Amino acid sequence: MVNITERAAEKAKALLEAREVPEGALRVFVAGGGCSGYQYGMAIARASEAGDIVLEQFGVRLVVDPESAQYLEGAEIDYVDDIMKSGFSIFNPNATKSCACGSSFQTEDGSGQPRSCC
């Protein structure tokens, strides 16, 4: 399943506290779209939904729906803060192609719904 680095978990916890949902979770999902066919998404979840996979790492809860889980197996969420970009970043071993912005990817089967994203 998906993993989160300690640095990303600290940022996620701070985000949840700033949004006044300290007991909430970080929902990580995959949707059709982006220039490579699939795109990553993240949202604050106040609660999990039926069928969700719920994980806790470094004190933060991650929620992933079953459909997205198949594309996120073995993925790692990190937080990048450098001169070019600040934000969450996902390293996904299932991605065979990614776009330059890093938010869109393609899998070996080439499925998905490519469209402009950058």
PDB file of N, CA and C in Angstrom:
ATOM      1  N   MET A   1       0.836  -1.184   0.000  1.00  0.00           N
ATOM      2  CA  MET A   1       0.000   0.000   0.000  1.00  0.00           C
ATOM      3  C   MET A   1       0.875   1.241   0.000  1.00  0.00           C
ATOM      4  N   VAL A   2       0.264   2.382  -0.009  1.00  0.00           N
ATOM      5  CA  VAL A   2       0.963   3.659  -0.055  1.00  0.00           C
ATOM      6  C   VAL A   2       1.635   3.951   1.292  1.00  0.00           C
ATOM      7  N   ASN A   3       2.784   4.591   1.239  1.00  0.00           N
ATOM      8  CA  ASN A   3       3.519   4.999   2.438  1.00  0.00           C
ATOM      9  C   ASN A   3       3.713   6.504   2.410  1.00  0.00           C
ATOM     10  N   ILE A   4       3.947   7.074   3.573  1.00  0.00           N
ATOM     11  CA  ILE A   4       4.200   8.506   3.679  1.00  0.00           C
ATOM     12  C   ILE A   4       5.490   8.695   4.467  1.00  0.00           C
ATOM     13  N   THR A   5       6.312   9.644   4.038  1.00  0.00           N
ATOM     14  CA  THR A   5       7.544   9.921   4.768  1.00  0.00           C
ATOM     15  C   THR A   5       7.206  10.715   6.031  1.00  0.00           C
ATOM     16  N   GLU A   6       8.136  10.715   6.954  1.00  0.00           N
ATOM     17  CA  GLU A   6       7.922  11.465   8.191  1.00  0.00           C
ATOM     18  C   GLU A   6       7.744  12.958   7.900  1.00  0.00           C
ATOM     19  N   ARG A   7       8.526  13.492   6.977  1.00  0.00           N
ATOM     20  CA  ARG A   7       8.421  14.912   6.607  1.00  0.00           C
ATOM     21  C   ARG A   7       7.030  15.223   6.058  1.00  0.00           C
ATOM     22  N   ALA A   8       6.510  14.369   5.171  1.00  0.00           N
ATOM     23  CA  ALA A   8       5.183  14.583   4.594  1.00  0.00           C
ATOM     24  C   ALA A   8       4.095  14.431   5.658  1.00  0.00           C
ATOM     25  N   ALA A   9       4.284  13.490   6.574  1.00  0.00           N
ATOM     26  CA  ALA A   9       3.307  13.296   7.646  1.00  0.00           C
ATOM     27  C   ALA A   9       3.228  14.533   8.536  1.00  0.00           C
ATOM     28  N   GLU A  10       4.370  15.134   8.844  1.00  0.00           N
ATOM     29  CA  GLU A  10       4.379  16.355   9.658  1.00  0.00           C
ATOM     30  C   GLU A  10       3.631  17.481   8.947  1.00  0.00           C
ATOM     31  N   LYS A  11       3.839  17.625   7.645  1.00  0.00           N
ATOM     32  CA  LYS A  11       3.132  18.658   6.872  1.00  0.00           C
ATOM     33  C   LYS A  11       1.639  18.366   6.826  1.00  0.00           C
ATOM     34  N   ALA A  12       1.272  17.098   6.665  1.00  0.00           N
ATOM     35  CA  ALA A  12      -0.140  16.718   6.622  1.00  0.00           C
ATOM     36  C   ALA A  12      -0.813  17.011   7.965  1.00  0.00           C
ATOM     37  N   LYS A  13      -0.143  16.676   9.080  1.00  0.00           N
ATOM     38  CA  LYS A  13      -0.700  16.953  10.406  1.00  0.00           C
ATOM     39  C   LYS A  13      -0.891  18.453  10.606  1.00  0.00           C
ATOM     40  N   ALA A  14       0.092  19.250  10.186  1.00  0.00           N
ATOM     41  CA  ALA A  14      -0.013  20.705  10.313  1.00  0.00           C
ATOM     42  C   ALA A  14      -1.183  21.233   9.480  1.00  0.00           C
ATOM     43  N   LEU A  15      -1.372  20.682   8.301  1.00  0.00           N
ATOM     44  CA  LEU A  15      -2.476  21.085   7.429  1.00  0.00           C
ATOM     45  C   LEU A  15      -3.826  20.741   8.070  1.00  0.00           C
ATOM     46  N   LEU A  16      -3.936  19.553   8.629  1.00  0.00           N
ATOM     47  CA  LEU A  16      -5.180  19.143   9.290  1.00  0.00           C
ATOM     48  C   LEU A  16      -5.484  20.037  10.487  1.00  0.00           C
ATOM     49  N   GLU A  17      -4.459  20.373  11.259  1.00  0.00           N
ATOM     50  CA  GLU A  17      -4.657  21.255  12.407  1.00  0.00           C
ATOM     51  C   GLU A  17      -5.040  22.659  11.962  1.00  0.00           C
ATOM     52  N   ALA A  18      -4.402  23.168  10.909  1.00  0.00           N
ATOM     53  CA  ALA A  18      -4.717  24.506  10.400  1.00  0.00           C
ATOM     54  C   ALA A  18      -6.153  24.584   9.883  1.00  0.00           C
ATOM     55  N   ARG A  19      -6.648  23.486   9.346  1.00  0.00           N
ATOM     56  CA  ARG A  19      -8.032  23.427   8.837  1.00  0.00           C
ATOM     57  C   ARG A  19      -9.019  23.032   9.934  1.00  0.00           C
ATOM     58  N   GLU A  20      -8.509  22.925  11.157  1.00  0.00           N
ATOM     59  CA  GLU A  20      -9.304  22.581  12.333  1.00  0.00           C
ATOM     60  C   GLU A  20      -9.987  21.221  12.221  1.00  0.00           C
ATOM     61  N   VAL A  21      -9.261  20.262  11.663  1.00  0.00           N
ATOM     62  CA  VAL A  21      -9.706  18.866  11.600  1.00  0.00           C
ATOM     63  C   VAL A  21      -8.563  17.953  12.057  1.00  0.00           C
ATOM     64  N   PRO A  22      -8.057  18.141  13.281  1.00  0.00           N
ATOM     65  CA  PRO A  22      -6.906  17.349  13.725  1.00  0.00           C
ATOM     66  C   PRO A  22      -7.172  15.842  13.763  1.00  0.00           C
ATOM     67  N   GLU A  23      -8.436  15.440  13.871  1.00  0.00           N
ATOM     68  CA  GLU A  23      -8.786  14.014  13.876  1.00  0.00           C
ATOM     69  C   GLU A  23      -9.093  13.509  12.469  1.00  0.00           C
ATOM     70  N   GLY A  24      -8.958  14.366  11.483  1.00  0.00           N
ATOM     71  CA  GLY A  24      -9.237  13.992  10.096  1.00  0.00           C
ATOM     72  C   GLY A  24      -8.106  13.175   9.495  1.00  0.00           C
ATOM     73  N   ALA A  25      -8.181  13.001   8.191  1.00  0.00           N
ATOM     74  CA  ALA A  25      -7.191  12.186   7.482  1.00  0.00           C
ATOM     75  C   ALA A  25      -6.855  12.836   6.149  1.00  0.00           C
ATOM     76  N   LEU A  26      -5.775  12.385   5.566  1.00  0.00           N
ATOM     77  CA  LEU A  26      -5.388  12.818   4.228  1.00  0.00           C
ATOM     78  C   LEU A  26      -5.902  11.765   3.250  1.00  0.00           C
ATOM     79  N   ARG A  27      -6.864  12.164   2.408  1.00  0.00           N
ATOM     80  CA  ARG A  27      -7.384  11.247   1.390  1.00  0.00           C
ATOM     81  C   ARG A  27      -6.490  11.363   0.165  1.00  0.00           C
ATOM     82  N   VAL A  28      -5.974  10.225  -0.295  1.00  0.00           N
ATOM     83  CA  VAL A  28      -5.115  10.166  -1.476  1.00  0.00           C
ATOM     84  C   VAL A  28      -5.880   9.365  -2.520  1.00  0.00           C
ATOM     85  N   PHE A  29      -5.986   9.924  -3.738  1.00  0.00           N
ATOM     86  CA  PHE A  29      -6.759   9.229  -4.758  1.00  0.00           C
ATOM     87  C   PHE A  29      -6.150   9.404  -6.139  1.00  0.00           C
ATOM     88  N   VAL A  30      -6.611   8.580  -7.058  1.00  0.00           N
ATOM     89  CA  VAL A  30      -6.214   8.637  -8.463  1.00  0.00           C
ATOM     90  C   VAL A  30      -7.486   8.831  -9.272  1.00  0.00           C
ATOM     91  N   ALA A  31      -7.445   9.753 -10.228  1.00  0.00           N
ATOM     92  CA  ALA A  31      -8.589  10.007 -11.104  1.00  0.00           C
ATOM     93  C   ALA A  31      -8.113  10.005 -12.549  1.00  0.00           C
ATOM     94  N   GLY A  32      -9.009   9.728 -13.455  1.00  0.00           N
ATOM     95  CA  GLY A  32      -8.673   9.811 -14.869  1.00  0.00           C
ATOM     96  C   GLY A  32      -8.408  11.254 -15.253  1.00  0.00           C
ATOM     97  N   GLY A  33      -7.440  11.473 -16.132  1.00  0.00           N
ATOM     98  CA  GLY A  33      -7.138  12.824 -16.589  1.00  0.00           C
ATOM     99  C   GLY A  33      -5.659  13.118 -16.554  1.00  0.00           C
ATOM    100  N   GLY A  34      -5.323  14.374 -16.634  1.00  0.00           N
ATOM    101  CA  GLY A  34      -3.925  14.769 -16.716  1.00  0.00           C
ATOM    102  C   GLY A  34      -3.368  14.411 -18.081  1.00  0.00           C
ATOM    103  N   CYS A  35      -2.221  14.914 -18.410  1.00  0.00           N
ATOM    104  CA  CYS A  35      -1.669  14.699 -19.751  1.00  0.00           C
ATOM    105  C   CYS A  35      -1.152  13.285 -19.975  1.00  0.00           C
ATOM    106  N   SER A  36      -1.056  12.478 -18.904  1.00  0.00           N
ATOM    107  CA  SER A  36      -0.578  11.104 -19.073  1.00  0.00           C
ATOM    108  C   SER A  36      -1.670  10.055 -18.870  1.00  0.00           C
ATOM    109  N   GLY A  37      -2.871  10.457 -18.531  1.00  0.00           N
ATOM    110  CA  GLY A  37      -3.978   9.512 -18.414  1.00  0.00           C
ATOM    111  C   GLY A  37      -4.588   9.398 -17.036  1.00  0.00           C
ATOM    112  N   TYR A  38      -3.751   9.490 -15.998  1.00  0.00           N
ATOM    113  CA  TYR A  38      -4.234   9.472 -14.615  1.00  0.00           C
ATOM    114  C   TYR A  38      -3.600  10.643 -13.883  1.00  0.00           C
ATOM    115  N   GLN A  39      -4.292  11.115 -12.859  1.00  0.00           N
ATOM    116  CA  GLN A  39      -3.704  12.175 -12.051  1.00  0.00           C
ATOM    117  C   GLN A  39      -3.936  11.893 -10.572  1.00  0.00           C
ATOM    118  N   TYR A  40      -2.982  12.344  -9.769  1.00  0.00           N
ATOM    119  CA  TYR A  40      -3.063  12.185  -8.327  1.00  0.00           C
ATOM    120  C   TYR A  40      -3.922  13.296  -7.751  1.00  0.00           C
ATOM    121  N   GLY A  41      -4.552  13.001  -6.639  1.00  0.00           N
ATOM    122  CA  GLY A  41      -5.293  14.014  -5.919  1.00  0.00           C
ATOM    123  C   GLY A  41      -5.177  13.769  -4.427  1.00  0.00           C
ATOM    124  N   MET A  42      -5.329  14.828  -3.663  1.00  0.00           N
ATOM    125  CA  MET A  42      -5.329  14.741  -2.206  1.00  0.00           C
ATOM    126  C   MET A  42      -6.401  15.683  -1.690  1.00  0.00           C
ATOM    127  N   ALA A  43      -7.028  15.278  -0.611  1.00  0.00           N
ATOM    128  CA  ALA A  43      -8.061  16.099   0.006  1.00  0.00           C
ATOM    129  C   ALA A  43      -8.084  15.786   1.495  1.00  0.00           C
ATOM    130  N   ILE A  44      -8.671  16.677   2.246  1.00  0.00           N
ATOM    131  CA  ILE A  44      -8.853  16.436   3.670  1.00  0.00           C
ATOM    132  C   ILE A  44     -10.139  15.640   3.839  1.00  0.00           C
ATOM    133  N   ALA A  45     -10.062  14.559   4.591  1.00  0.00           N
ATOM    134  CA  ALA A  45     -11.232  13.722   4.857  1.00  0.00           C
ATOM    135  C   ALA A  45     -11.588  13.825   6.333  1.00  0.00           C
ATOM    136  N   ARG A  46     -12.812  14.176   6.609  1.00  0.00           N
ATOM    137  CA  ARG A  46     -13.269  14.228   8.001  1.00  0.00           C
ATOM    138  C   ARG A  46     -13.538  12.821   8.530  1.00  0.00           C
ATOM    139  N   ALA A  47     -13.894  11.917   7.620  1.00  0.00           N
ATOM    140  CA  ALA A  47     -14.175  10.525   7.998  1.00  0.00           C
ATOM    141  C   ALA A  47     -13.904   9.631   6.797  1.00  0.00           C
ATOM    142  N   SER A  48     -13.738   8.355   7.055  1.00  0.00           N
ATOM    143  CA  SER A  48     -13.562   7.409   5.954  1.00  0.00           C
ATOM    144  C   SER A  48     -14.939   6.979   5.451  1.00  0.00           C
ATOM    145  N   GLU A  49     -14.959   6.425   4.245  1.00  0.00           N
ATOM    146  CA  GLU A  49     -16.198   5.935   3.651  1.00  0.00           C
ATOM    147  C   GLU A  49     -16.147   4.414   3.592  1.00  0.00           C
ATOM    148  N   ALA A  50     -17.294   3.791   3.419  1.00  0.00           N
ATOM    149  CA  ALA A  50     -17.368   2.331   3.348  1.00  0.00           C
ATOM    150  C   ALA A  50     -16.423   1.818   2.267  1.00  0.00           C
ATOM    151  N   GLY A  51     -15.619   0.827   2.609  1.00  0.00           N
ATOM    152  CA  GLY A  51     -14.693   0.226   1.656  1.00  0.00           C
ATOM    153  C   GLY A  51     -13.322   0.872   1.613  1.00  0.00           C
ATOM    154  N   ASP A  52     -13.173   2.061   2.215  1.00  0.00           N
ATOM    155  CA  ASP A  52     -11.874   2.741   2.216  1.00  0.00           C
ATOM    156  C   ASP A  52     -10.816   1.926   2.953  1.00  0.00           C
ATOM    157  N   ILE A  53      -9.596   2.077   2.501  1.00  0.00           N
ATOM    158  CA  ILE A  53      -8.443   1.520   3.201  1.00  0.00           C
ATOM    159  C   ILE A  53      -7.896   2.644   4.070  1.00  0.00           C
ATOM    160  N   VAL A  54      -7.768   2.398   5.356  1.00  0.00           N
ATOM    161  CA  VAL A  54      -7.303   3.420   6.296  1.00  0.00           C
ATOM    162  C   VAL A  54      -5.986   2.954   6.902  1.00  0.00           C
ATOM    163  N   LEU A  55      -4.963   3.799   6.778  1.00  0.00           N
ATOM    164  CA  LEU A  55      -3.635   3.504   7.315  1.00  0.00           C
ATOM    165  C   LEU A  55      -3.226   4.633   8.242  1.00  0.00           C
ATOM    166  N   GLU A  56      -2.384   4.331   9.204  1.00  0.00           N
ATOM    167  CA  GLU A  56      -1.819   5.389  10.039  1.00  0.00           C
ATOM    168  C   GLU A  56      -0.314   5.220  10.063  1.00  0.00           C
ATOM    169  N   GLN A  57       0.386   6.293   9.699  1.00  0.00           N
ATOM    170  CA  GLN A  57       1.844   6.299   9.690  1.00  0.00           C
ATOM    171  C   GLN A  57       2.332   7.636  10.232  1.00  0.00           C
ATOM    172  N   PHE A  58       3.285   7.592  11.122  1.00  0.00           N
ATOM    173  CA  PHE A  58       3.870   8.802  11.722  1.00  0.00           C
ATOM    174  C   PHE A  58       2.796   9.729  12.290  1.00  0.00           C
ATOM    175  N   GLY A  59       1.726   9.145  12.831  1.00  0.00           N
ATOM    176  CA  GLY A  59       0.693   9.936  13.487  1.00  0.00           C
ATOM    177  C   GLY A  59      -0.314  10.595  12.570  1.00  0.00           C
ATOM    178  N   VAL A  60      -0.310  10.268  11.307  1.00  0.00           N
ATOM    179  CA  VAL A  60      -1.307  10.825  10.384  1.00  0.00           C
ATOM    180  C   VAL A  60      -2.052   9.672   9.713  1.00  0.00           C
ATOM    181  N   ARG A  61      -3.360   9.848   9.562  1.00  0.00           N
ATOM    182  CA  ARG A  61      -4.163   8.826   8.894  1.00  0.00           C
ATOM    183  C   ARG A  61      -4.234   9.120   7.402  1.00  0.00           C
ATOM    184  N   LEU A  62      -4.086   8.064   6.617  1.00  0.00           N
ATOM    185  CA  LEU A  62      -4.242   8.127   5.168  1.00  0.00           C
ATOM    186  C   LEU A  62      -5.473   7.312   4.806  1.00  0.00           C
ATOM    187  N   VAL A  63      -6.287   7.836   3.906  1.00  0.00           N
ATOM    188  CA  VAL A  63      -7.488   7.151   3.454  1.00  0.00           C
ATOM    189  C   VAL A  63      -7.385   6.997   1.941  1.00  0.00           C
ATOM    190  N   VAL A  64      -7.574   5.759   1.462  1.00  0.00           N
ATOM    191  CA  VAL A  64      -7.479   5.471   0.028  1.00  0.00           C
ATOM    192  C   VAL A  64      -8.677   4.614  -0.368  1.00  0.00           C
ATOM    193  N   ASP A  65      -9.372   5.011  -1.431  1.00  0.00           N
ATOM    194  CA  ASP A  65     -10.484   4.192  -1.907  1.00  0.00           C
ATOM    195  C   ASP A  65      -9.930   2.967  -2.642  1.00  0.00           C
ATOM    196  N   PRO A  66     -10.692   1.875  -2.709  1.00  0.00           N
ATOM    197  CA  PRO A  66     -10.186   0.638  -3.313  1.00  0.00           C
ATOM    198  C   PRO A  66      -9.767   0.782  -4.778  1.00  0.00           C
ATOM    199  N   GLU A  67     -10.466   1.594  -5.546  1.00  0.00           N
ATOM    200  CA  GLU A  67     -10.121   1.785  -6.963  1.00  0.00           C
ATOM    201  C   GLU A  67      -8.748   2.444  -7.095  1.00  0.00           C
ATOM    202  N   SER A  68      -8.489   3.462  -6.284  1.00  0.00           N
ATOM    203  CA  SER A  68      -7.199   4.151  -6.328  1.00  0.00           C
ATOM    204  C   SER A  68      -6.071   3.282  -5.789  1.00  0.00           C
ATOM    205  N   ALA A  69      -6.389   2.427  -4.824  1.00  0.00           N
ATOM    206  CA  ALA A  69      -5.367   1.605  -4.170  1.00  0.00           C
ATOM    207  C   ALA A  69      -4.576   0.767  -5.167  1.00  0.00           C
ATOM    208  N   GLN A  70      -5.238   0.278  -6.210  1.00  0.00           N
ATOM    209  CA  GLN A  70      -4.533  -0.558  -7.183  1.00  0.00           C
ATOM    210  C   GLN A  70      -3.440   0.210  -7.920  1.00  0.00           C
ATOM    211  N   TYR A  71      -3.595   1.515  -8.065  1.00  0.00           N
ATOM    212  CA  TYR A  71      -2.593   2.337  -8.748  1.00  0.00           C
ATOM    213  C   TYR A  71      -1.533   2.889  -7.794  1.00  0.00           C
ATOM    214  N   LEU A  72      -1.799   2.807  -6.497  1.00  0.00           N
ATOM    215  CA  LEU A  72      -0.897   3.385  -5.497  1.00  0.00           C
ATOM    216  C   LEU A  72      -0.099   2.344  -4.720  1.00  0.00           C
ATOM    217  N   GLU A  73      -0.207   1.088  -5.100  1.00  0.00           N
ATOM    218  CA  GLU A  73       0.520   0.020  -4.405  1.00  0.00           C
ATOM    219  C   GLU A  73       2.029   0.293  -4.447  1.00  0.00           C
ATOM    220  N   GLY A  74       2.646   0.436  -3.273  1.00  0.00           N
ATOM    221  CA  GLY A  74       4.082   0.680  -3.190  1.00  0.00           C
ATOM    222  C   GLY A  74       4.491   2.132  -3.373  1.00  0.00           C
ATOM    223  N   ALA A  75       3.527   3.031  -3.563  1.00  0.00           N
ATOM    224  CA  ALA A  75       3.843   4.454  -3.765  1.00  0.00           C
ATOM    225  C   ALA A  75       4.275   5.099  -2.448  1.00  0.00           C
ATOM    226  N   GLU A  76       5.038   6.185  -2.563  1.00  0.00           N
ATOM    227  CA  GLU A  76       5.507   6.919  -1.390  1.00  0.00           C
ATOM    228  C   GLU A  76       5.183   8.396  -1.550  1.00  0.00           C
ATOM    229  N   ILE A  77       4.551   8.955  -0.527  1.00  0.00           N
ATOM    230  CA  ILE A  77       4.234  10.379  -0.499  1.00  0.00           C
ATOM    231  C   ILE A  77       5.332  11.077   0.282  1.00  0.00           C
ATOM    232  N   ASP A  78       5.902  12.116  -0.303  1.00  0.00           N
ATOM    233  CA  ASP A  78       6.931  12.908   0.366  1.00  0.00           C
ATOM    234  C   ASP A  78       6.517  14.368   0.289  1.00  0.00           C
ATOM    235  N   TYR A  79       7.220  15.214   1.000  1.00  0.00           N
ATOM    236  CA  TYR A  79       7.001  16.651   0.913  1.00  0.00           C
ATOM    237  C   TYR A  79       8.292  17.270   0.425  1.00  0.00           C
ATOM    238  N   VAL A  80       8.200  17.998  -0.683  1.00  0.00           N
ATOM    239  CA  VAL A  80       9.363  18.626  -1.307  1.00  0.00           C
ATOM    240  C   VAL A  80       9.310  20.125  -1.032  1.00  0.00           C
ATOM    241  N   ASP A  81      10.427  20.695  -0.659  1.00  0.00           N
ATOM    242  CA  ASP A  81      10.503  22.138  -0.426  1.00  0.00           C
ATOM    243  C   ASP A  81      11.853  22.619  -0.934  1.00  0.00           C
ATOM    244  N   ASP A  82      11.868  23.019  -2.192  1.00  0.00           N
ATOM    245  CA  ASP A  82      13.111  23.530  -2.770  1.00  0.00           C
ATOM    246  C   ASP A  82      12.825  24.789  -3.579  1.00  0.00           C
ATOM    247  N   ILE A  83      13.821  25.289  -4.253  1.00  0.00           N
ATOM    248  CA  ILE A  83      13.705  26.556  -4.968  1.00  0.00           C
ATOM    249  C   ILE A  83      12.669  26.523  -6.103  1.00  0.00           C
ATOM    250  N   MET A  84      12.415  25.343  -6.665  1.00  0.00           N
ATOM    251  CA  MET A  84      11.494  25.212  -7.796  1.00  0.00           C
ATOM    252  C   MET A  84      10.065  24.844  -7.399  1.00  0.00           C
ATOM    253  N   LYS A  85       9.912  24.159  -6.256  1.00  0.00           N
ATOM    254  CA  LYS A  85       8.590  23.631  -5.929  1.00  0.00           C
ATOM    255  C   LYS A  85       8.483  23.330  -4.445  1.00  0.00           C
ATOM    256  N   SER A  86       7.320  23.589  -3.896  1.00  0.00           N
ATOM    257  CA  SER A  86       7.005  23.175  -2.532  1.00  0.00           C
ATOM    258  C   SER A  86       5.661  22.473  -2.566  1.00  0.00           C
ATOM    259  N   GLY A  87       5.589  21.303  -1.961  1.00  0.00           N
ATOM    260  CA  GLY A  87       4.323  20.585  -1.899  1.00  0.00           C
ATOM    261  C   GLY A  87       4.525  19.093  -1.810  1.00  0.00           C
ATOM    262  N   PHE A  88       3.408  18.397  -1.734  1.00  0.00           N
ATOM    263  CA  PHE A  88       3.454  16.944  -1.671  1.00  0.00           C
ATOM    264  C   PHE A  88       3.848  16.385  -3.027  1.00  0.00           C
ATOM    265  N   SER A  89       4.607  15.312  -2.998  1.00  0.00           N
ATOM    266  CA  SER A  89       5.080  14.654  -4.209  1.00  0.00           C
ATOM    267  C   SER A  89       4.884  13.152  -4.025  1.00  0.00           C
ATOM    268  N   ILE A  90       4.494  12.465  -5.092  1.00  0.00           N
ATOM    269  CA  ILE A  90       4.265  11.024  -5.011  1.00  0.00           C
ATOM    270  C   ILE A  90       5.225  10.297  -5.937  1.00  0.00           C
ATOM    271  N   PHE A  91       6.004   9.383  -5.353  1.00  0.00           N
ATOM    272  CA  PHE A  91       6.843   8.482  -6.148  1.00  0.00           C
ATOM    273  C   PHE A  91       6.035   7.202  -6.303  1.00  0.00           C
ATOM    274  N   ASN A  92       5.745   6.826  -7.536  1.00  0.00           N
ATOM    275  CA  ASN A  92       4.889   5.677  -7.800  1.00  0.00           C
ATOM    276  C   ASN A  92       5.612   4.662  -8.679  1.00  0.00           C
ATOM    277  N   PRO A  93       5.971   3.496  -8.136  1.00  0.00           N
ATOM    278  CA  PRO A  93       6.664   2.489  -8.942  1.00  0.00           C
ATOM    279  C   PRO A  93       5.788   1.894 -10.046  1.00  0.00           C
ATOM    280  N   ASN A  94       4.479   2.130  -9.999  1.00  0.00           N
ATOM    281  CA  ASN A  94       3.564   1.626 -11.027  1.00  0.00           C
ATOM    282  C   ASN A  94       3.492   2.538 -12.244  1.00  0.00           C
ATOM    283  N   ALA A  95       4.029   3.736 -12.134  1.00  0.00           N
ATOM    284  CA  ALA A  95       3.987   4.698 -13.236  1.00  0.00           C
ATOM    285  C   ALA A  95       5.078   4.370 -14.252  1.00  0.00           C
ATOM    286  N   THR A  96       4.679   4.191 -15.496  1.00  0.00           N
ATOM    287  CA  THR A  96       5.650   3.940 -16.559  1.00  0.00           C
ATOM    288  C   THR A  96       5.992   5.226 -17.295  1.00  0.00           C
ATOM    289  N   LYS A  97       5.167   6.264 -17.091  1.00  0.00           N
ATOM    290  CA  LYS A  97       5.389   7.567 -17.711  1.00  0.00           C
ATOM    291  C   LYS A  97       4.761   8.608 -16.797  1.00  0.00           C
ATOM    292  N   SER A  98       5.431   9.732 -16.641  1.00  0.00           N
ATOM    293  CA  SER A  98       4.903  10.838 -15.846  1.00  0.00           C
ATOM    294  C   SER A  98       5.084  12.131 -16.609  1.00  0.00           C
ATOM    295  N   CYS A  99       4.229  13.098 -16.322  1.00  0.00           N
ATOM    296  CA  CYS A  99       4.406  14.393 -16.972  1.00  0.00           C
ATOM    297  C   CYS A  99       5.385  15.238 -16.153  1.00  0.00           C
ATOM    298  N   ALA A 100       5.813  16.324 -16.714  1.00  0.00           N
ATOM    299  CA  ALA A 100       6.831  17.168 -16.081  1.00  0.00           C
ATOM    300  C   ALA A 100       6.384  17.728 -14.736  1.00  0.00           C
ATOM    301  N   CYS A 101       5.099  18.003 -14.586  1.00  0.00           N
ATOM    302  CA  CYS A 101       4.629  18.580 -13.323  1.00  0.00           C
ATOM    303  C   CYS A 101       4.568  17.548 -12.205  1.00  0.00           C
ATOM    304  N   GLY A 102       4.602  16.250 -12.552  1.00  0.00           N
ATOM    305  CA  GLY A 102       4.607  15.194 -11.551  1.00  0.00           C
ATOM    306  C   GLY A 102       3.248  14.825 -10.998  1.00  0.00           C
ATOM    307  N   SER A 103       2.180  15.468 -11.474  1.00  0.00           N
ATOM    308  CA  SER A 103       0.858  15.148 -10.939  1.00  0.00           C
ATOM    309  C   SER A 103       0.074  14.191 -11.824  1.00  0.00           C
ATOM    310  N   SER A 104       0.615  13.845 -12.981  1.00  0.00           N
ATOM    311  CA  SER A 104      -0.067  12.944 -13.905  1.00  0.00           C
ATOM    312  C   SER A 104       0.862  11.789 -14.267  1.00  0.00           C
ATOM    313  N   PHE A 105       0.266  10.607 -14.465  1.00  0.00           N
ATOM    314  CA  PHE A 105       1.082   9.436 -14.782  1.00  0.00           C
ATOM    315  C   PHE A 105       0.318   8.469 -15.668  1.00  0.00           C
ATOM    316  N   GLN A 106       1.050   7.529 -16.227  1.00  0.00           N
ATOM    317  CA  GLN A 106       0.476   6.470 -17.052  1.00  0.00           C
ATOM    318  C   GLN A 106       0.971   5.136 -16.504  1.00  0.00           C
ATOM    319  N   THR A 107       0.142   4.112 -16.612  1.00  0.00           N
ATOM    320  CA  THR A 107       0.537   2.774 -16.183  1.00  0.00           C
ATOM    321  C   THR A 107       0.891   1.937 -17.401  1.00  0.00           C
ATOM    322  N   GLU A 108       1.408   0.753 -17.144  1.00  0.00           N
ATOM    323  CA  GLU A 108       1.856  -0.126 -18.218  1.00  0.00           C
ATOM    324  C   GLU A 108       0.748  -0.436 -19.219  1.00  0.00           C
ATOM    325  N   ASP A 109      -0.499  -0.548 -18.750  1.00  0.00           N
ATOM    326  CA  ASP A 109      -1.592  -0.876 -19.670  1.00  0.00           C
ATOM    327  C   ASP A 109      -2.018   0.310 -20.536  1.00  0.00           C
ATOM    328  N   GLY A 110      -1.505   1.503 -20.233  1.00  0.00           N
ATOM    329  CA  GLY A 110      -1.772   2.680 -21.061  1.00  0.00           C
ATOM    330  C   GLY A 110      -3.183   3.212 -20.965  1.00  0.00           C
ATOM    331  N   SER A 111      -3.968   2.709 -20.005  1.00  0.00           N
ATOM    332  CA  SER A 111      -5.337   3.194 -19.884  1.00  0.00           C
ATOM    333  C   SER A 111      -5.352   4.569 -19.219  1.00  0.00           C
ATOM    334  N   GLY A 112      -6.502   5.143 -19.120  1.00  0.00           N
ATOM    335  CA  GLY A 112      -6.651   6.473 -18.550  1.00  0.00           C
ATOM    336  C   GLY A 112      -7.253   7.400 -19.576  1.00  0.00           C
ATOM    337  N   GLN A 113      -7.416   8.650 -19.197  1.00  0.00           N
ATOM    338  CA  GLN A 113      -8.036   9.638 -20.065  1.00  0.00           C
ATOM    339  C   GLN A 113      -7.133  10.859 -20.181  1.00  0.00           C
ATOM    340  N   PRO A 114      -6.115  10.807 -21.059  1.00  0.00           N
ATOM    341  CA  PRO A 114      -5.199  11.942 -21.168  1.00  0.00           C
ATOM    342  C   PRO A 114      -5.909  13.228 -21.591  1.00  0.00           C
ATOM    343  N   ARG A 115      -5.492  14.327 -20.994  1.00  0.00           N
ATOM    344  CA  ARG A 115      -5.921  15.665 -21.400  1.00  0.00           C
ATOM    345  C   ARG A 115      -4.900  16.645 -20.836  1.00  0.00           C
ATOM    346  N   SER A 116      -4.916  17.845 -21.306  1.00  0.00           N
ATOM    347  CA  SER A 116      -3.936  18.838 -20.890  1.00  0.00           C
ATOM    348  C   SER A 116      -4.038  19.116 -19.395  1.00  0.00           C
ATOM    349  N   CYS A 117      -2.882  19.166 -18.723  1.00  0.00           N
ATOM    350  CA  CYS A 117      -2.904  19.452 -17.283  1.00  0.00           C
ATOM    351  C   CYS A 117      -1.879  20.499 -16.874  1.00  0.00           C
ATOM    352  N   CYS A 118      -0.879  20.752 -17.667  1.00  0.00           N
ATOM    353  CA  CYS A 118       0.214  21.644 -17.240  1.00  0.00           C
ATOM    354  C   CYS A 118       0.085  23.021 -17.841  1.00  0.00           C
TER     355      CYS A 118
END
